[in-house]
Amino acid sequence: MNSLLNDPFNLPYPVAYAIRKQEQIDSFMELEEKKRPPKNIWHNEHKINEWLEEVFDNKDPEATMEFNPNEVE
């Protein structure tokens, strides 16, 4: 089991999918509440993309996703 954790390419698909989904949900929770997509579309890639394009419209000067590299794990 320890070798599975060291090499993610050997993880069974359902486990890898669950990890990726949890990372996606965690990233939604890091957004400020007014820009966070509603929970009922979290598992619909098409609706999520539409939501993010609308919320983070390039014309909006406040629609930036800046981050501090020191905060990245």
PDB file of N, CA and C in Angstrom:
ATOM      1  N   MET A   1       0.827  -1.196   0.000  1.00  0.00           N
ATOM      2  CA  MET A   1       0.000   0.000   0.000  1.00  0.00           C
ATOM      3  C   MET A   1       0.867   1.255   0.000  1.00  0.00           C
ATOM      4  N   ASN A   2       1.975   1.221   0.688  1.00  0.00           N
ATOM      5  CA  ASN A   2       2.851   2.377   0.758  1.00  0.00           C
ATOM      6  C   ASN A   2       3.354   2.771  -0.628  1.00  0.00           C
ATOM      7  N   SER A   3       3.614   1.790  -1.508  1.00  0.00           N
ATOM      8  CA  SER A   3       4.100   2.115  -2.844  1.00  0.00           C
ATOM      9  C   SER A   3       3.022   2.819  -3.671  1.00  0.00           C
ATOM     10  N   LEU A   4       1.734   2.550  -3.397  1.00  0.00           N
ATOM     11  CA  LEU A   4       0.660   3.242  -4.106  1.00  0.00           C
ATOM     12  C   LEU A   4       0.676   4.730  -3.805  1.00  0.00           C
ATOM     13  N   LEU A   5       0.959   5.078  -2.571  1.00  0.00           N
ATOM     14  CA  LEU A   5       0.965   6.482  -2.188  1.00  0.00           C
ATOM     15  C   LEU A   5       2.168   7.213  -2.759  1.00  0.00           C
ATOM     16  N   ASN A   6       3.254   6.508  -2.986  1.00  0.00           N
ATOM     17  CA  ASN A   6       4.453   7.134  -3.539  1.00  0.00           C
ATOM     18  C   ASN A   6       4.364   7.309  -5.048  1.00  0.00           C
ATOM     19  N   ASP A   7       3.568   6.518  -5.713  1.00  0.00           N
ATOM     20  CA  ASP A   7       3.445   6.575  -7.166  1.00  0.00           C
ATOM     21  C   ASP A   7       1.966   6.678  -7.533  1.00  0.00           C
ATOM     22  N   PRO A   8       1.454   7.914  -7.738  1.00  0.00           N
ATOM     23  CA  PRO A   8       0.013   8.077  -7.973  1.00  0.00           C
ATOM     24  C   PRO A   8      -0.480   7.423  -9.264  1.00  0.00           C
ATOM     25  N   PHE A   9       0.417   7.088 -10.188  1.00  0.00           N
ATOM     26  CA  PHE A   9      -0.009   6.434 -11.419  1.00  0.00           C
ATOM     27  C   PHE A   9      -0.517   5.018 -11.165  1.00  0.00           C
ATOM     28  N   ASN A  10      -0.201   4.465 -10.025  1.00  0.00           N
ATOM     29  CA  ASN A  10      -0.634   3.117  -9.684  1.00  0.00           C
ATOM     30  C   ASN A  10      -1.922   3.089  -8.865  1.00  0.00           C
ATOM     31  N   LEU A  11      -2.483   4.267  -8.578  1.00  0.00           N
ATOM     32  CA  LEU A  11      -3.716   4.298  -7.803  1.00  0.00           C
ATOM     33  C   LEU A  11      -4.879   3.773  -8.641  1.00  0.00           C
ATOM     34  N   PRO A  12      -5.787   3.043  -8.035  1.00  0.00           N
ATOM     35  CA  PRO A  12      -6.990   2.624  -8.759  1.00  0.00           C
ATOM     36  C   PRO A  12      -7.775   3.872  -9.191  1.00  0.00           C
ATOM     37  N   TYR A  13      -8.443   3.785 -10.336  1.00  0.00           N
ATOM     38  CA  TYR A  13      -9.150   4.939 -10.895  1.00  0.00           C
ATOM     39  C   TYR A  13     -10.133   5.574  -9.910  1.00  0.00           C
ATOM     40  N   PRO A  14     -10.967   4.793  -9.213  1.00  0.00           N
ATOM     41  CA  PRO A  14     -11.929   5.436  -8.296  1.00  0.00           C
ATOM     42  C   PRO A  14     -11.245   6.252  -7.196  1.00  0.00           C
ATOM     43  N   VAL A  15     -10.109   5.780  -6.714  1.00  0.00           N
ATOM     44  CA  VAL A  15      -9.384   6.499  -5.667  1.00  0.00           C
ATOM     45  C   VAL A  15      -8.794   7.790  -6.250  1.00  0.00           C
ATOM     46  N   ALA A  16      -8.160   7.701  -7.422  1.00  0.00           N
ATOM     47  CA  ALA A  16      -7.576   8.879  -8.057  1.00  0.00           C
ATOM     48  C   ALA A  16      -8.658   9.907  -8.375  1.00  0.00           C
ATOM     49  N   TYR A  17      -9.815   9.438  -8.853  1.00  0.00           N
ATOM     50  CA  TYR A  17     -10.930  10.335  -9.170  1.00  0.00           C
ATOM     51  C   TYR A  17     -11.414  11.048  -7.913  1.00  0.00           C
ATOM     52  N   ALA A  18     -11.556  10.313  -6.825  1.00  0.00           N
ATOM     53  CA  ALA A  18     -12.027  10.898  -5.574  1.00  0.00           C
ATOM     54  C   ALA A  18     -11.049  11.958  -5.063  1.00  0.00           C
ATOM     55  N   ILE A  19      -9.773  11.692  -5.197  1.00  0.00           N
ATOM     56  CA  ILE A  19      -8.761  12.664  -4.762  1.00  0.00           C
ATOM     57  C   ILE A  19      -8.848  13.933  -5.614  1.00  0.00           C
ATOM     58  N   ARG A  20      -8.949  13.773  -6.938  1.00  0.00           N
ATOM     59  CA  ARG A  20      -9.040  14.937  -7.828  1.00  0.00           C
ATOM     60  C   ARG A  20     -10.312  15.740  -7.540  1.00  0.00           C
ATOM     61  N   LYS A  21     -11.423  15.058  -7.312  1.00  0.00           N
ATOM     62  CA  LYS A  21     -12.686  15.739  -7.023  1.00  0.00           C
ATOM     63  C   LYS A  21     -12.579  16.518  -5.721  1.00  0.00           C
ATOM     64  N   GLN A  22     -11.956  15.915  -4.700  1.00  0.00           N
ATOM     65  CA  GLN A  22     -11.817  16.609  -3.419  1.00  0.00           C
ATOM     66  C   GLN A  22     -10.930  17.839  -3.566  1.00  0.00           C
ATOM     67  N   GLU A  23      -9.870  17.742  -4.369  1.00  0.00           N
ATOM     68  CA  GLU A  23      -9.016  18.902  -4.618  1.00  0.00           C
ATOM     69  C   GLU A  23      -9.806  20.009  -5.313  1.00  0.00           C
ATOM     70  N   GLN A  24     -10.680  19.638  -6.255  1.00  0.00           N
ATOM     71  CA  GLN A  24     -11.499  20.616  -6.955  1.00  0.00           C
ATOM     72  C   GLN A  24     -12.449  21.313  -5.972  1.00  0.00           C
ATOM     73  N   ILE A  25     -13.101  20.548  -5.133  1.00  0.00           N
ATOM     74  CA  ILE A  25     -14.027  21.113  -4.156  1.00  0.00           C
ATOM     75  C   ILE A  25     -13.283  22.014  -3.174  1.00  0.00           C
ATOM     76  N   ASP A  26     -12.110  21.600  -2.751  1.00  0.00           N
ATOM     77  CA  ASP A  26     -11.303  22.436  -1.860  1.00  0.00           C
ATOM     78  C   ASP A  26     -10.964  23.760  -2.524  1.00  0.00           C
ATOM     79  N   SER A  27     -10.669  23.725  -3.827  1.00  0.00           N
ATOM     80  CA  SER A  27     -10.337  24.967  -4.527  1.00  0.00           C
ATOM     81  C   SER A  27     -11.557  25.882  -4.614  1.00  0.00           C
ATOM     82  N   PHE A  28     -12.761  25.319  -4.766  1.00  0.00           N
ATOM     83  CA  PHE A  28     -13.972  26.143  -4.763  1.00  0.00           C
ATOM     84  C   PHE A  28     -14.131  26.837  -3.413  1.00  0.00           C
ATOM     85  N   MET A  29     -13.839  26.119  -2.344  1.00  0.00           N
ATOM     86  CA  MET A  29     -14.020  26.667  -1.005  1.00  0.00           C
ATOM     87  C   MET A  29     -13.016  27.772  -0.701  1.00  0.00           C
ATOM     88  N   GLU A  30     -11.927  27.845  -1.460  1.00  0.00           N
ATOM     89  CA  GLU A  30     -10.948  28.904  -1.259  1.00  0.00           C
ATOM     90  C   GLU A  30     -11.374  30.216  -1.919  1.00  0.00           C
ATOM     91  N   LEU A  31     -12.346  30.160  -2.813  1.00  0.00           N
ATOM     92  CA  LEU A  31     -12.853  31.373  -3.449  1.00  0.00           C
ATOM     93  C   LEU A  31     -13.708  32.150  -2.460  1.00  0.00           C
ATOM     94  N   GLU A  32     -13.745  33.474  -2.649  1.00  0.00           N
ATOM     95  CA  GLU A  32     -14.646  34.241  -1.799  1.00  0.00           C
ATOM     96  C   GLU A  32     -16.082  33.811  -2.100  1.00  0.00           C
ATOM     97  N   GLU A  33     -16.952  33.954  -1.128  1.00  0.00           N
ATOM     98  CA  GLU A  33     -18.292  33.364  -1.224  1.00  0.00           C
ATOM     99  C   GLU A  33     -19.084  33.845  -2.438  1.00  0.00           C
ATOM    100  N   LYS A  34     -18.961  35.103  -2.813  1.00  0.00           N
ATOM    101  CA  LYS A  34     -19.754  35.603  -3.941  1.00  0.00           C
ATOM    102  C   LYS A  34     -19.267  35.051  -5.282  1.00  0.00           C
ATOM    103  N   LYS A  35     -18.052  34.510  -5.335  1.00  0.00           N
ATOM    104  CA  LYS A  35     -17.514  33.948  -6.571  1.00  0.00           C
ATOM    105  C   LYS A  35     -17.488  32.420  -6.555  1.00  0.00           C
ATOM    106  N   ARG A  36     -17.940  31.843  -5.461  1.00  0.00           N
ATOM    107  CA  ARG A  36     -17.960  30.383  -5.330  1.00  0.00           C
ATOM    108  C   ARG A  36     -19.160  29.806  -6.073  1.00  0.00           C
ATOM    109  N   PRO A  37     -18.936  28.801  -6.925  1.00  0.00           N
ATOM    110  CA  PRO A  37     -20.084  28.219  -7.643  1.00  0.00           C
ATOM    111  C   PRO A  37     -21.039  27.523  -6.682  1.00  0.00           C
ATOM    112  N   PRO A  38     -22.330  27.505  -7.024  1.00  0.00           N
ATOM    113  CA  PRO A  38     -23.294  26.812  -6.171  1.00  0.00           C
ATOM    114  C   PRO A  38     -23.011  25.309  -6.136  1.00  0.00           C
ATOM    115  N   LYS A  39     -23.266  24.707  -5.006  1.00  0.00           N
ATOM    116  CA  LYS A  39     -22.956  23.281  -4.813  1.00  0.00           C
ATOM    117  C   LYS A  39     -23.675  22.373  -5.802  1.00  0.00           C
ATOM    118  N   ASN A  40     -24.844  22.785  -6.270  1.00  0.00           N
ATOM    119  CA  ASN A  40     -25.597  21.897  -7.165  1.00  0.00           C
ATOM    120  C   ASN A  40     -24.973  21.764  -8.556  1.00  0.00           C
ATOM    121  N   ILE A  41     -23.938  22.537  -8.885  1.00  0.00           N
ATOM    122  CA  ILE A  41     -23.275  22.386 -10.190  1.00  0.00           C
ATOM    123  C   ILE A  41     -21.832  21.893 -10.052  1.00  0.00           C
ATOM    124  N   TRP A  42     -21.388  21.581  -8.855  1.00  0.00           N
ATOM    125  CA  TRP A  42     -20.001  21.176  -8.647  1.00  0.00           C
ATOM    126  C   TRP A  42     -19.607  19.942  -9.450  1.00  0.00           C
ATOM    127  N   HIS A  43     -20.548  19.080  -9.764  1.00  0.00           N
ATOM    128  CA  HIS A  43     -20.213  17.844 -10.473  1.00  0.00           C
ATOM    129  C   HIS A  43     -20.605  17.899 -11.945  1.00  0.00           C
ATOM    130  N   ASN A  44     -20.817  19.106 -12.467  1.00  0.00           N
ATOM    131  CA  ASN A  44     -21.153  19.272 -13.871  1.00  0.00           C
ATOM    132  C   ASN A  44     -20.110  20.186 -14.509  1.00  0.00           C
ATOM    133  N   GLU A  45     -19.166  19.590 -15.208  1.00  0.00           N
ATOM    134  CA  GLU A  45     -18.031  20.332 -15.747  1.00  0.00           C
ATOM    135  C   GLU A  45     -18.471  21.478 -16.653  1.00  0.00           C
ATOM    136  N   HIS A  46     -19.472  21.243 -17.496  1.00  0.00           N
ATOM    137  CA  HIS A  46     -19.943  22.273 -18.422  1.00  0.00           C
ATOM    138  C   HIS A  46     -20.499  23.482 -17.661  1.00  0.00           C
ATOM    139  N   LYS A  47     -21.335  23.226 -16.662  1.00  0.00           N
ATOM    140  CA  LYS A  47     -21.921  24.325 -15.889  1.00  0.00           C
ATOM    141  C   LYS A  47     -20.872  25.057 -15.054  1.00  0.00           C
ATOM    142  N   ILE A  48     -19.896  24.314 -14.533  1.00  0.00           N
ATOM    143  CA  ILE A  48     -18.810  24.943 -13.769  1.00  0.00           C
ATOM    144  C   ILE A  48     -18.026  25.892 -14.671  1.00  0.00           C
ATOM    145  N   ASN A  49     -17.682  25.429 -15.873  1.00  0.00           N
ATOM    146  CA  ASN A  49     -16.933  26.285 -16.796  1.00  0.00           C
ATOM    147  C   ASN A  49     -17.720  27.544 -17.147  1.00  0.00           C
ATOM    148  N   GLU A  50     -19.015  27.402 -17.397  1.00  0.00           N
ATOM    149  CA  GLU A  50     -19.857  28.567 -17.682  1.00  0.00           C
ATOM    150  C   GLU A  50     -19.867  29.530 -16.498  1.00  0.00           C
ATOM    151  N   TRP A  51     -20.017  28.976 -15.310  1.00  0.00           N
ATOM    152  CA  TRP A  51     -20.057  29.791 -14.092  1.00  0.00           C
ATOM    153  C   TRP A  51     -18.755  30.575 -13.935  1.00  0.00           C
ATOM    154  N   LEU A  52     -17.630  29.890 -14.056  1.00  0.00           N
ATOM    155  CA  LEU A  52     -16.341  30.544 -13.856  1.00  0.00           C
ATOM    156  C   LEU A  52     -16.064  31.599 -14.927  1.00  0.00           C
ATOM    157  N   GLU A  53     -16.461  31.338 -16.166  1.00  0.00           N
ATOM    158  CA  GLU A  53     -16.283  32.332 -17.223  1.00  0.00           C
ATOM    159  C   GLU A  53     -17.108  33.578 -16.944  1.00  0.00           C
ATOM    160  N   GLU A  54     -18.306  33.383 -16.417  1.00  0.00           N
ATOM    161  CA  GLU A  54     -19.170  34.527 -16.114  1.00  0.00           C
ATOM    162  C   GLU A  54     -18.650  35.310 -14.911  1.00  0.00           C
ATOM    163  N   VAL A  55     -18.259  34.602 -13.877  1.00  0.00           N
ATOM    164  CA  VAL A  55     -17.826  35.256 -12.645  1.00  0.00           C
ATOM    165  C   VAL A  55     -16.468  35.935 -12.818  1.00  0.00           C
ATOM    166  N   PHE A  56     -15.567  35.283 -13.508  1.00  0.00           N
ATOM    167  CA  PHE A  56     -14.239  35.838 -13.695  1.00  0.00           C
ATOM    168  C   PHE A  56     -14.096  36.445 -15.088  1.00  0.00           C
ATOM    169  N   ASP A  57     -15.044  37.282 -15.445  1.00  0.00           N
ATOM    170  CA  ASP A  57     -15.015  37.991 -16.720  1.00  0.00           C
ATOM    171  C   ASP A  57     -13.794  38.910 -16.731  1.00  0.00           C
ATOM    172  N   ASN A  58     -13.011  38.862 -17.795  1.00  0.00           N
ATOM    173  CA  ASN A  58     -11.780  39.649 -17.887  1.00  0.00           C
ATOM    174  C   ASN A  58     -12.031  41.153 -17.861  1.00  0.00           C
ATOM    175  N   LYS A  59     -13.252  41.569 -18.109  1.00  0.00           N
ATOM    176  CA  LYS A  59     -13.575  42.986 -18.098  1.00  0.00           C
ATOM    177  C   LYS A  59     -13.708  43.526 -16.681  1.00  0.00           C
ATOM    178  N   ASP A  60     -13.872  42.654 -15.738  1.00  0.00           N
ATOM    179  CA  ASP A  60     -14.031  43.055 -14.341  1.00  0.00           C
ATOM    180  C   ASP A  60     -12.654  43.191 -13.694  1.00  0.00           C
ATOM    181  N   PRO A  61     -12.254  44.411 -13.297  1.00  0.00           N
ATOM    182  CA  PRO A  61     -10.920  44.593 -12.717  1.00  0.00           C
ATOM    183  C   PRO A  61     -10.725  43.865 -11.390  1.00  0.00           C
ATOM    184  N   GLU A  62     -11.828  43.563 -10.687  1.00  0.00           N
ATOM    185  CA  GLU A  62     -11.715  42.844  -9.415  1.00  0.00           C
ATOM    186  C   GLU A  62     -11.671  41.337  -9.598  1.00  0.00           C
ATOM    187  N   ALA A  63     -11.833  40.864 -10.813  1.00  0.00           N
ATOM    188  CA  ALA A  63     -11.886  39.426 -11.083  1.00  0.00           C
ATOM    189  C   ALA A  63     -10.499  38.880 -11.354  1.00  0.00           C
ATOM    190  N   THR A  64      -9.701  38.875 -10.337  1.00  0.00           N
ATOM    191  CA  THR A  64      -8.361  38.316 -10.477  1.00  0.00           C
ATOM    192  C   THR A  64      -8.217  37.159  -9.513  1.00  0.00           C
ATOM    193  N   MET A  65      -7.359  36.262  -9.875  1.00  0.00           N
ATOM    194  CA  MET A  65      -7.093  35.112  -9.011  1.00  0.00           C
ATOM    195  C   MET A  65      -5.626  35.161  -8.606  1.00  0.00           C
ATOM    196  N   GLU A  66      -5.273  36.210  -7.881  1.00  0.00           N
ATOM    197  CA  GLU A  66      -3.896  36.372  -7.448  1.00  0.00           C
ATOM    198  C   GLU A  66      -3.623  35.443  -6.269  1.00  0.00           C
ATOM    199  N   PHE A  67      -2.379  35.040  -6.172  1.00  0.00           N
ATOM    200  CA  PHE A  67      -1.986  34.207  -5.044  1.00  0.00           C
ATOM    201  C   PHE A  67      -0.567  34.542  -4.666  1.00  0.00           C
ATOM    202  N   ASN A  68      -0.239  34.241  -3.451  1.00  0.00           N
ATOM    203  CA  ASN A  68       1.110  34.441  -2.945  1.00  0.00           C
ATOM    204  C   ASN A  68       1.835  33.108  -3.057  1.00  0.00           C
ATOM    205  N   PRO A  69       2.943  33.047  -3.824  1.00  0.00           N
ATOM    206  CA  PRO A  69       3.641  31.759  -3.982  1.00  0.00           C
ATOM    207  C   PRO A  69       4.067  31.141  -2.655  1.00  0.00           C
ATOM    208  N   ASN A  70       4.230  31.948  -1.619  1.00  0.00           N
ATOM    209  CA  ASN A  70       4.616  31.414  -0.308  1.00  0.00           C
ATOM    210  C   ASN A  70       3.471  30.660   0.356  1.00  0.00           C
ATOM    211  N   GLU A  71       2.229  30.875  -0.116  1.00  0.00           N
ATOM    212  CA  GLU A  71       1.080  30.179   0.454  1.00  0.00           C
ATOM    213  C   GLU A  71       0.779  28.871  -0.230  1.00  0.00           C
ATOM    214  N   VAL A  72       1.448  28.585  -1.341  1.00  0.00           N
ATOM    215  CA  VAL A  72       1.202  27.383  -2.104  1.00  0.00           C
ATOM    216  C   VAL A  72       1.996  26.231  -1.502  1.00  0.00           C
ATOM    217  N   GLU A  73       1.326  25.115  -1.307  1.00  0.00           N
ATOM    218  CA  GLU A  73       2.000  23.952  -0.724  1.00  0.00           C
ATOM    219  C   GLU A  73       2.776  23.201  -1.767  1.00  0.00           C
TER     220      GLU A  73
END
